[in-house]
């Protein structure tokens, strides 16, 4: 799907507040509400819009710790990487998993209630994924920015 400027404007507004009414989006973009709804439906069908979420403050629900975990993989075999990806998909504490170049193969952002919870997560990770050669951890002291916003255009409109 090729996105035009109108689609990108809609995406920008929806990412800031997924509950914004189509009428308000229409007003801000110069489109009709029916056109906005049609475009949103098409972007959902095409997988451009993958879901709608509620952003929760982790500290306020008792999950105050963020860990940055670097994994070194023994052998980068497709089947073992696929197994690791499936494991990571199932683990809700893993917020992000990024396959990279450089000193580590995969970086994880993991949220945990306490150090013991984090240790239990990484213990399961290593036990169920024997392809992990080494795991190093940094504890985040403070998170300056957390987001899922994807820039879709020049935000000056």
N, C-alpha and C. Protein backbone atom coordinates (compact mmCIF):
# COMPACT_ATOMS: atom_id res chain seq x y z
N UNK A 1 0.84 -1.18 0.00
CA UNK A 1 0.00 0.00 0.00
C UNK A 1 0.89 1.24 0.00
N UNK A 2 0.61 2.14 -0.89
CA UNK A 2 1.34 3.41 -0.95
C UNK A 2 0.53 4.44 -0.16
N UNK A 3 1.18 5.05 0.81
CA UNK A 3 0.51 6.03 1.66
C UNK A 3 0.68 7.43 1.09
N UNK A 4 -0.42 8.15 1.01
CA UNK A 4 -0.32 9.55 0.59
C UNK A 4 -0.25 10.45 1.82
N UNK A 5 -0.17 11.73 1.58
CA UNK A 5 -0.03 12.70 2.69
C UNK A 5 -1.22 12.61 3.64
N UNK A 6 -2.42 12.41 3.11
CA UNK A 6 -3.61 12.29 3.96
C UNK A 6 -3.53 11.09 4.88
N UNK A 7 -3.11 9.94 4.34
CA UNK A 7 -2.94 8.73 5.16
C UNK A 7 -1.93 8.99 6.28
N UNK A 8 -0.84 9.64 5.93
CA UNK A 8 0.21 9.92 6.90
C UNK A 8 -0.27 10.87 7.99
N UNK A 9 -1.07 11.83 7.62
CA UNK A 9 -1.63 12.75 8.63
C UNK A 9 -2.55 11.99 9.58
N UNK A 10 -3.37 11.12 9.02
CA UNK A 10 -4.27 10.31 9.85
C UNK A 10 -3.46 9.46 10.82
N UNK A 11 -2.42 8.81 10.33
CA UNK A 11 -1.58 7.97 11.18
C UNK A 11 -0.94 8.77 12.31
N UNK A 12 -0.46 9.95 11.97
CA UNK A 12 0.17 10.79 12.98
C UNK A 12 -0.81 11.14 14.10
N UNK A 13 -2.03 11.50 13.74
CA UNK A 13 -3.05 11.85 14.73
C UNK A 13 -3.47 10.63 15.55
N UNK A 14 -3.67 9.50 14.90
CA UNK A 14 -4.10 8.29 15.61
C UNK A 14 -3.04 7.78 16.57
N UNK A 15 -1.76 7.94 16.20
CA UNK A 15 -0.70 7.48 17.10
C UNK A 15 -0.64 8.30 18.38
N UNK A 16 -1.04 9.53 18.31
CA UNK A 16 -1.04 10.38 19.51
C UNK A 16 -2.25 10.10 20.39
N UNK A 17 -3.37 9.69 19.76
CA UNK A 17 -4.59 9.36 20.51
C UNK A 17 -5.45 8.48 19.61
N UNK A 18 -5.44 7.17 19.86
CA UNK A 18 -6.18 6.25 18.99
C UNK A 18 -7.69 6.36 19.16
N UNK A 19 -8.15 7.13 20.14
CA UNK A 19 -9.58 7.30 20.36
C UNK A 19 -10.13 8.60 19.76
N UNK A 20 -9.28 9.36 19.08
CA UNK A 20 -9.73 10.62 18.48
C UNK A 20 -10.83 10.31 17.45
N UNK A 21 -11.96 11.01 17.52
CA UNK A 21 -13.06 10.74 16.59
C UNK A 21 -12.71 11.08 15.14
N UNK A 22 -13.28 10.34 14.22
CA UNK A 22 -13.05 10.56 12.79
C UNK A 22 -13.41 11.99 12.40
N UNK A 23 -14.42 12.55 13.03
CA UNK A 23 -14.84 13.91 12.72
C UNK A 23 -13.73 14.91 13.03
N UNK A 24 -13.04 14.71 14.15
CA UNK A 24 -11.94 15.61 14.51
C UNK A 24 -10.75 15.42 13.57
N UNK A 25 -10.47 14.18 13.21
CA UNK A 25 -9.40 13.92 12.24
C UNK A 25 -9.75 14.59 10.92
N UNK A 26 -11.00 14.46 10.51
CA UNK A 26 -11.46 15.08 9.26
C UNK A 26 -11.24 16.59 9.30
N UNK A 27 -11.59 17.18 10.41
CA UNK A 27 -11.43 18.63 10.58
C UNK A 27 -9.96 19.04 10.48
N UNK A 28 -9.08 18.26 11.10
CA UNK A 28 -7.65 18.60 11.12
C UNK A 28 -6.95 18.31 9.79
N UNK A 29 -7.52 17.42 8.99
CA UNK A 29 -6.87 17.03 7.73
C UNK A 29 -7.54 17.60 6.49
N UNK A 30 -8.73 18.21 6.68
CA UNK A 30 -9.45 18.75 5.53
C UNK A 30 -10.16 17.69 4.71
N UNK A 31 -10.42 16.54 5.29
CA UNK A 31 -11.13 15.45 4.60
C UNK A 31 -12.52 15.31 5.22
N UNK A 32 -13.34 14.49 4.58
CA UNK A 32 -14.63 14.16 5.18
C UNK A 32 -14.44 13.02 6.18
N UNK A 33 -15.33 12.91 7.14
CA UNK A 33 -15.25 11.84 8.13
C UNK A 33 -15.35 10.48 7.47
N UNK A 34 -16.19 10.35 6.44
CA UNK A 34 -16.33 9.06 5.75
C UNK A 34 -15.03 8.68 5.04
N UNK A 35 -14.35 9.67 4.46
CA UNK A 35 -13.07 9.40 3.81
C UNK A 35 -12.02 8.96 4.84
N UNK A 36 -12.02 9.61 6.00
CA UNK A 36 -11.09 9.24 7.07
C UNK A 36 -11.34 7.79 7.50
N UNK A 37 -12.61 7.45 7.74
CA UNK A 37 -12.95 6.08 8.16
C UNK A 37 -12.56 5.05 7.10
N UNK A 38 -12.80 5.38 5.84
CA UNK A 38 -12.45 4.48 4.74
C UNK A 38 -10.93 4.25 4.71
N UNK A 39 -10.17 5.31 4.86
CA UNK A 39 -8.70 5.20 4.85
C UNK A 39 -8.20 4.38 6.04
N UNK A 40 -8.78 4.63 7.21
CA UNK A 40 -8.38 3.87 8.41
C UNK A 40 -8.66 2.38 8.21
N UNK A 41 -9.84 2.06 7.70
CA UNK A 41 -10.20 0.66 7.45
C UNK A 41 -9.21 0.01 6.48
N UNK A 42 -8.86 0.72 5.40
CA UNK A 42 -7.92 0.18 4.42
C UNK A 42 -6.53 -0.03 5.05
N UNK A 43 -6.09 0.92 5.87
CA UNK A 43 -4.77 0.78 6.50
C UNK A 43 -4.76 -0.38 7.49
N UNK A 44 -5.89 -0.66 8.13
CA UNK A 44 -5.98 -1.84 9.01
C UNK A 44 -5.91 -3.12 8.18
N UNK A 45 -6.68 -3.16 7.09
CA UNK A 45 -6.70 -4.34 6.22
C UNK A 45 -5.32 -4.63 5.64
N UNK A 46 -4.58 -3.58 5.32
CA UNK A 46 -3.25 -3.74 4.70
C UNK A 46 -2.14 -3.96 5.74
N UNK A 47 -2.49 -3.90 7.02
CA UNK A 47 -1.50 -4.13 8.06
C UNK A 47 -0.65 -2.92 8.42
N UNK A 48 -0.98 -1.76 7.86
CA UNK A 48 -0.25 -0.54 8.23
C UNK A 48 -0.57 -0.22 9.69
N UNK A 49 -1.85 -0.27 10.04
CA UNK A 49 -2.27 -0.14 11.43
C UNK A 49 -2.39 -1.55 11.98
N UNK A 50 -1.55 -1.87 12.96
CA UNK A 50 -1.49 -3.25 13.46
C UNK A 50 -2.27 -3.47 14.73
N UNK A 51 -2.72 -2.42 15.36
CA UNK A 51 -3.48 -2.58 16.59
C UNK A 51 -3.66 -1.25 17.29
N UNK A 52 -4.41 -1.28 18.36
CA UNK A 52 -4.61 -0.11 19.20
C UNK A 52 -4.31 -0.56 20.63
N UNK A 53 -3.57 0.26 21.35
CA UNK A 53 -3.16 -0.14 22.69
C UNK A 53 -3.44 0.96 23.71
N UNK A 54 -3.47 0.56 24.96
CA UNK A 54 -3.51 1.50 26.07
C UNK A 54 -2.11 1.52 26.67
N UNK A 55 -1.54 2.69 26.80
CA UNK A 55 -0.20 2.82 27.36
C UNK A 55 -0.32 2.91 28.87
N UNK A 56 0.36 2.00 29.56
CA UNK A 56 0.28 1.88 31.01
C UNK A 56 1.60 2.33 31.64
N UNK A 57 1.52 3.06 32.73
CA UNK A 57 2.71 3.45 33.48
C UNK A 57 3.16 2.24 34.31
N UNK A 58 4.27 1.64 33.92
CA UNK A 58 4.75 0.41 34.56
C UNK A 58 4.97 0.58 36.06
N UNK A 59 5.51 1.70 36.46
CA UNK A 59 5.78 1.92 37.89
C UNK A 59 4.48 1.94 38.69
N UNK A 60 3.44 2.53 38.13
CA UNK A 60 2.18 2.65 38.86
C UNK A 60 1.44 1.33 39.01
N UNK A 61 1.84 0.33 38.22
CA UNK A 61 1.23 -1.00 38.35
C UNK A 61 2.20 -2.00 38.99
N UNK A 62 3.26 -1.47 39.60
CA UNK A 62 4.16 -2.33 40.36
C UNK A 62 5.24 -3.03 39.58
N UNK A 63 5.60 -2.48 38.42
CA UNK A 63 6.69 -3.07 37.62
C UNK A 63 7.71 -1.95 37.35
N UNK A 64 8.51 -1.60 38.37
CA UNK A 64 9.33 -0.39 38.29
C UNK A 64 10.69 -0.53 37.62
N UNK A 65 11.15 -1.75 37.38
CA UNK A 65 12.51 -1.92 36.88
C UNK A 65 12.56 -2.22 35.39
N UNK A 66 13.52 -1.57 34.72
CA UNK A 66 13.77 -1.81 33.31
C UNK A 66 15.20 -2.32 33.16
N UNK A 67 15.34 -3.42 32.44
CA UNK A 67 16.64 -4.03 32.21
C UNK A 67 16.93 -4.03 30.71
N UNK A 68 18.16 -3.68 30.35
CA UNK A 68 18.62 -3.78 28.97
C UNK A 68 19.53 -5.00 28.94
N UNK A 69 19.13 -6.00 28.18
CA UNK A 69 19.82 -7.28 28.17
C UNK A 69 20.39 -7.55 26.78
N UNK A 70 21.67 -7.82 26.72
CA UNK A 70 22.34 -8.12 25.46
C UNK A 70 22.59 -9.62 25.38
N UNK A 71 22.18 -10.21 24.26
CA UNK A 71 22.38 -11.65 24.05
C UNK A 71 23.42 -11.87 22.96
N UNK A 72 24.34 -12.78 23.23
CA UNK A 72 25.23 -13.27 22.18
C UNK A 72 24.77 -14.67 21.84
N UNK A 73 24.56 -14.91 20.57
CA UNK A 73 24.03 -16.18 20.09
C UNK A 73 25.20 -17.06 19.64
N UNK A 74 25.13 -18.34 20.01
CA UNK A 74 26.19 -19.30 19.66
C UNK A 74 26.30 -19.47 18.14
N UNK A 75 25.23 -19.87 17.53
CA UNK A 75 25.20 -20.07 16.08
C UNK A 75 23.93 -19.40 15.56
N UNK A 76 24.08 -18.64 14.53
CA UNK A 76 22.92 -17.93 14.00
C UNK A 76 22.17 -18.79 12.98
N UNK A 77 21.68 -19.93 13.46
CA UNK A 77 20.88 -20.81 12.62
C UNK A 77 19.45 -20.33 12.60
N UNK A 78 18.83 -20.40 11.42
CA UNK A 78 17.45 -19.91 11.26
C UNK A 78 16.47 -20.57 12.21
N UNK A 79 16.58 -21.88 12.37
CA UNK A 79 15.62 -22.59 13.22
C UNK A 79 15.75 -22.19 14.68
N UNK A 80 16.99 -21.99 15.14
CA UNK A 80 17.20 -21.59 16.53
C UNK A 80 16.79 -20.14 16.77
N UNK A 81 17.05 -19.28 15.79
CA UNK A 81 16.60 -17.89 15.90
C UNK A 81 15.08 -17.82 15.90
N UNK A 82 14.45 -18.66 15.10
CA UNK A 82 12.99 -18.71 15.07
C UNK A 82 12.44 -19.16 16.42
N UNK A 83 13.07 -20.14 17.02
CA UNK A 83 12.67 -20.62 18.35
C UNK A 83 12.80 -19.49 19.38
N UNK A 84 13.90 -18.75 19.32
CA UNK A 84 14.11 -17.63 20.23
C UNK A 84 13.04 -16.55 20.02
N UNK A 85 12.76 -16.24 18.77
CA UNK A 85 11.73 -15.22 18.48
C UNK A 85 10.37 -15.63 19.03
N UNK A 86 10.03 -16.88 18.88
CA UNK A 86 8.74 -17.36 19.41
C UNK A 86 8.71 -17.24 20.93
N UNK A 87 9.82 -17.58 21.58
CA UNK A 87 9.89 -17.48 23.03
C UNK A 87 9.71 -16.02 23.45
N UNK A 88 10.41 -15.11 22.78
CA UNK A 88 10.32 -13.69 23.11
C UNK A 88 8.91 -13.15 22.89
N UNK A 89 8.25 -13.60 21.82
CA UNK A 89 6.87 -13.18 21.54
C UNK A 89 5.93 -13.57 22.67
N UNK A 90 6.17 -14.70 23.28
CA UNK A 90 5.29 -15.20 24.35
C UNK A 90 5.55 -14.53 25.70
N UNK A 91 6.70 -13.94 25.87
CA UNK A 91 7.10 -13.38 27.17
C UNK A 91 6.69 -11.91 27.26
N UNK A 92 5.62 -11.63 28.00
CA UNK A 92 5.10 -10.26 28.10
C UNK A 92 6.07 -9.29 28.74
N UNK A 93 6.97 -9.75 29.56
CA UNK A 93 7.94 -8.86 30.20
C UNK A 93 8.95 -8.29 29.22
N UNK A 94 9.13 -8.98 28.10
CA UNK A 94 10.04 -8.49 27.06
C UNK A 94 9.29 -7.45 26.23
N UNK A 95 9.70 -6.20 26.36
CA UNK A 95 9.04 -5.10 25.67
C UNK A 95 9.54 -4.93 24.25
N UNK A 96 10.83 -5.13 24.06
CA UNK A 96 11.42 -5.00 22.73
C UNK A 96 12.52 -6.05 22.59
N UNK A 97 12.68 -6.53 21.37
CA UNK A 97 13.75 -7.45 21.04
C UNK A 97 14.29 -7.01 19.68
N UNK A 98 15.55 -6.65 19.65
CA UNK A 98 16.13 -6.06 18.44
C UNK A 98 17.35 -6.88 18.02
N UNK A 99 17.28 -7.46 16.83
CA UNK A 99 18.38 -8.23 16.25
C UNK A 99 19.34 -7.24 15.61
N UNK A 100 20.63 -7.29 15.99
CA UNK A 100 21.56 -6.24 15.58
C UNK A 100 22.87 -6.80 15.04
N UNK A 101 23.67 -5.88 14.54
CA UNK A 101 25.08 -6.16 14.27
C UNK A 101 25.85 -5.66 15.47
N UNK A 102 27.12 -5.99 15.54
CA UNK A 102 27.94 -5.47 16.63
C UNK A 102 28.27 -6.52 17.67
N UNK A 103 28.59 -6.07 18.87
CA UNK A 103 29.09 -6.98 19.91
C UNK A 103 28.02 -7.94 20.42
N UNK A 104 26.77 -7.53 20.42
CA UNK A 104 25.68 -8.43 20.81
C UNK A 104 24.81 -8.71 19.59
N UNK A 105 24.15 -9.84 19.61
CA UNK A 105 23.29 -10.21 18.48
C UNK A 105 21.86 -9.71 18.67
N UNK A 106 21.39 -9.74 19.91
CA UNK A 106 20.02 -9.33 20.21
C UNK A 106 20.04 -8.48 21.48
N UNK A 107 19.34 -7.37 21.43
CA UNK A 107 19.14 -6.55 22.63
C UNK A 107 17.68 -6.66 23.04
N UNK A 108 17.47 -6.82 24.34
CA UNK A 108 16.12 -6.91 24.88
C UNK A 108 15.88 -5.78 25.87
N UNK A 109 14.68 -5.26 25.88
CA UNK A 109 14.22 -4.36 26.93
C UNK A 109 13.21 -5.18 27.73
N UNK A 110 13.51 -5.40 29.00
CA UNK A 110 12.69 -6.26 29.85
C UNK A 110 12.22 -5.47 31.07
N UNK A 111 10.93 -5.55 31.36
CA UNK A 111 10.37 -4.94 32.56
C UNK A 111 10.18 -6.02 33.62
N UNK A 112 10.49 -5.67 34.88
CA UNK A 112 10.31 -6.64 35.96
C UNK A 112 9.95 -5.93 37.26
N UNK A 113 9.27 -6.67 38.10
CA UNK A 113 8.83 -6.17 39.41
C UNK A 113 10.03 -5.96 40.35
N UNK A 114 11.00 -6.89 40.25
CA UNK A 114 12.19 -6.83 41.11
C UNK A 114 13.29 -7.67 40.46
N UNK A 115 14.46 -7.67 41.07
CA UNK A 115 15.60 -8.40 40.52
C UNK A 115 15.32 -9.90 40.47
N UNK A 116 14.64 -10.42 41.46
CA UNK A 116 14.32 -11.85 41.48
C UNK A 116 13.44 -12.23 40.29
N UNK A 117 12.47 -11.39 39.97
CA UNK A 117 11.60 -11.66 38.81
C UNK A 117 12.41 -11.64 37.52
N UNK A 118 13.32 -10.66 37.41
CA UNK A 118 14.17 -10.58 36.23
C UNK A 118 15.04 -11.83 36.13
N UNK A 119 15.63 -12.25 37.24
CA UNK A 119 16.46 -13.46 37.23
C UNK A 119 15.66 -14.68 36.76
N UNK A 120 14.41 -14.78 37.20
CA UNK A 120 13.56 -15.91 36.79
C UNK A 120 13.30 -15.87 35.28
N UNK A 121 13.08 -14.68 34.75
CA UNK A 121 12.84 -14.53 33.30
C UNK A 121 14.08 -14.96 32.53
N UNK A 122 15.24 -14.45 32.92
CA UNK A 122 16.46 -14.79 32.18
C UNK A 122 16.87 -16.25 32.37
N UNK A 123 16.56 -16.82 33.52
CA UNK A 123 16.82 -18.25 33.74
C UNK A 123 16.02 -19.08 32.75
N UNK A 124 14.72 -18.77 32.61
CA UNK A 124 13.88 -19.48 31.63
C UNK A 124 14.39 -19.25 30.21
N UNK A 125 14.78 -18.02 29.93
CA UNK A 125 15.28 -17.68 28.60
C UNK A 125 16.47 -18.55 28.23
N UNK A 126 17.43 -18.65 29.12
CA UNK A 126 18.65 -19.43 28.85
C UNK A 126 18.36 -20.93 28.81
N UNK A 127 17.53 -21.41 29.74
CA UNK A 127 17.21 -22.84 29.78
C UNK A 127 16.46 -23.30 28.53
N UNK A 128 15.57 -22.46 28.04
CA UNK A 128 14.73 -22.85 26.91
C UNK A 128 15.32 -22.46 25.56
N UNK A 129 16.45 -21.77 25.58
CA UNK A 129 17.12 -21.36 24.34
C UNK A 129 18.61 -21.62 24.48
N UNK A 130 19.03 -22.87 24.32
CA UNK A 130 20.42 -23.24 24.55
C UNK A 130 21.40 -22.59 23.57
N UNK A 131 20.89 -21.93 22.57
CA UNK A 131 21.73 -21.26 21.59
C UNK A 131 22.32 -19.95 22.13
N UNK A 132 21.87 -19.51 23.30
CA UNK A 132 22.40 -18.28 23.88
C UNK A 132 23.74 -18.58 24.55
N UNK A 133 24.78 -17.95 24.03
CA UNK A 133 26.14 -18.17 24.55
C UNK A 133 26.41 -17.30 25.77
N UNK A 134 25.94 -16.06 25.71
CA UNK A 134 26.24 -15.12 26.79
C UNK A 134 25.12 -14.11 26.91
N UNK A 135 24.90 -13.67 28.13
CA UNK A 135 23.86 -12.69 28.42
C UNK A 135 24.46 -11.64 29.34
N UNK A 136 24.36 -10.38 28.96
CA UNK A 136 24.83 -9.31 29.85
C UNK A 136 23.67 -8.35 30.10
N UNK A 137 23.67 -7.78 31.29
CA UNK A 137 22.54 -6.97 31.72
C UNK A 137 22.98 -5.60 32.22
N UNK A 138 22.22 -4.60 31.84
CA UNK A 138 22.35 -3.26 32.43
C UNK A 138 21.00 -2.91 33.03
N UNK A 139 21.03 -2.30 34.20
CA UNK A 139 19.80 -1.87 34.84
C UNK A 139 19.61 -0.39 34.51
N UNK A 140 18.44 -0.06 34.00
CA UNK A 140 18.15 1.34 33.68
C UNK A 140 17.96 2.12 34.97
N UNK A 141 18.67 3.21 35.11
CA UNK A 141 18.52 4.06 36.29
C UNK A 141 17.32 4.99 36.13
N UNK A 142 17.12 5.43 34.89
CA UNK A 142 15.99 6.31 34.61
C UNK A 142 15.67 6.20 33.12
N UNK A 143 14.40 6.24 32.80
CA UNK A 143 13.98 6.22 31.40
C UNK A 143 13.61 7.65 31.02
N UNK A 144 14.35 8.22 30.08
CA UNK A 144 14.07 9.58 29.65
C UNK A 144 12.93 9.64 28.65
N UNK A 145 12.81 8.61 27.84
CA UNK A 145 11.74 8.59 26.85
C UNK A 145 11.35 7.15 26.58
N UNK A 146 10.07 6.93 26.50
CA UNK A 146 9.54 5.62 26.13
C UNK A 146 8.42 5.90 25.14
N UNK A 147 8.44 5.24 24.02
CA UNK A 147 7.39 5.52 23.04
C UNK A 147 7.27 4.44 22.00
N UNK A 148 6.18 4.53 21.28
CA UNK A 148 5.95 3.64 20.15
C UNK A 148 5.55 4.44 18.91
N UNK A 149 5.67 5.77 19.00
CA UNK A 149 5.30 6.64 17.89
C UNK A 149 6.26 6.42 16.72
N UNK A 150 5.70 6.23 15.53
CA UNK A 150 6.50 6.06 14.31
C UNK A 150 6.33 7.33 13.48
N UNK A 151 7.41 8.06 13.20
CA UNK A 151 7.28 9.26 12.37
C UNK A 151 6.76 8.88 10.99
N UNK A 152 5.70 9.55 10.56
CA UNK A 152 5.11 9.23 9.27
C UNK A 152 5.23 10.37 8.28
N UNK A 153 5.57 11.55 8.78
CA UNK A 153 5.67 12.71 7.89
C UNK A 153 6.27 13.87 8.65
N UNK A 154 6.41 14.97 7.96
CA UNK A 154 6.78 16.22 8.60
C UNK A 154 5.64 16.60 9.54
N UNK A 155 5.94 16.73 10.81
CA UNK A 155 4.90 16.95 11.83
C UNK A 155 4.43 18.40 11.91
N UNK A 156 4.70 19.20 10.92
CA UNK A 156 4.41 20.63 11.03
C UNK A 156 3.01 21.03 10.58
N UNK A 157 2.16 20.08 10.22
CA UNK A 157 0.84 20.47 9.70
C UNK A 157 -0.10 20.93 10.73
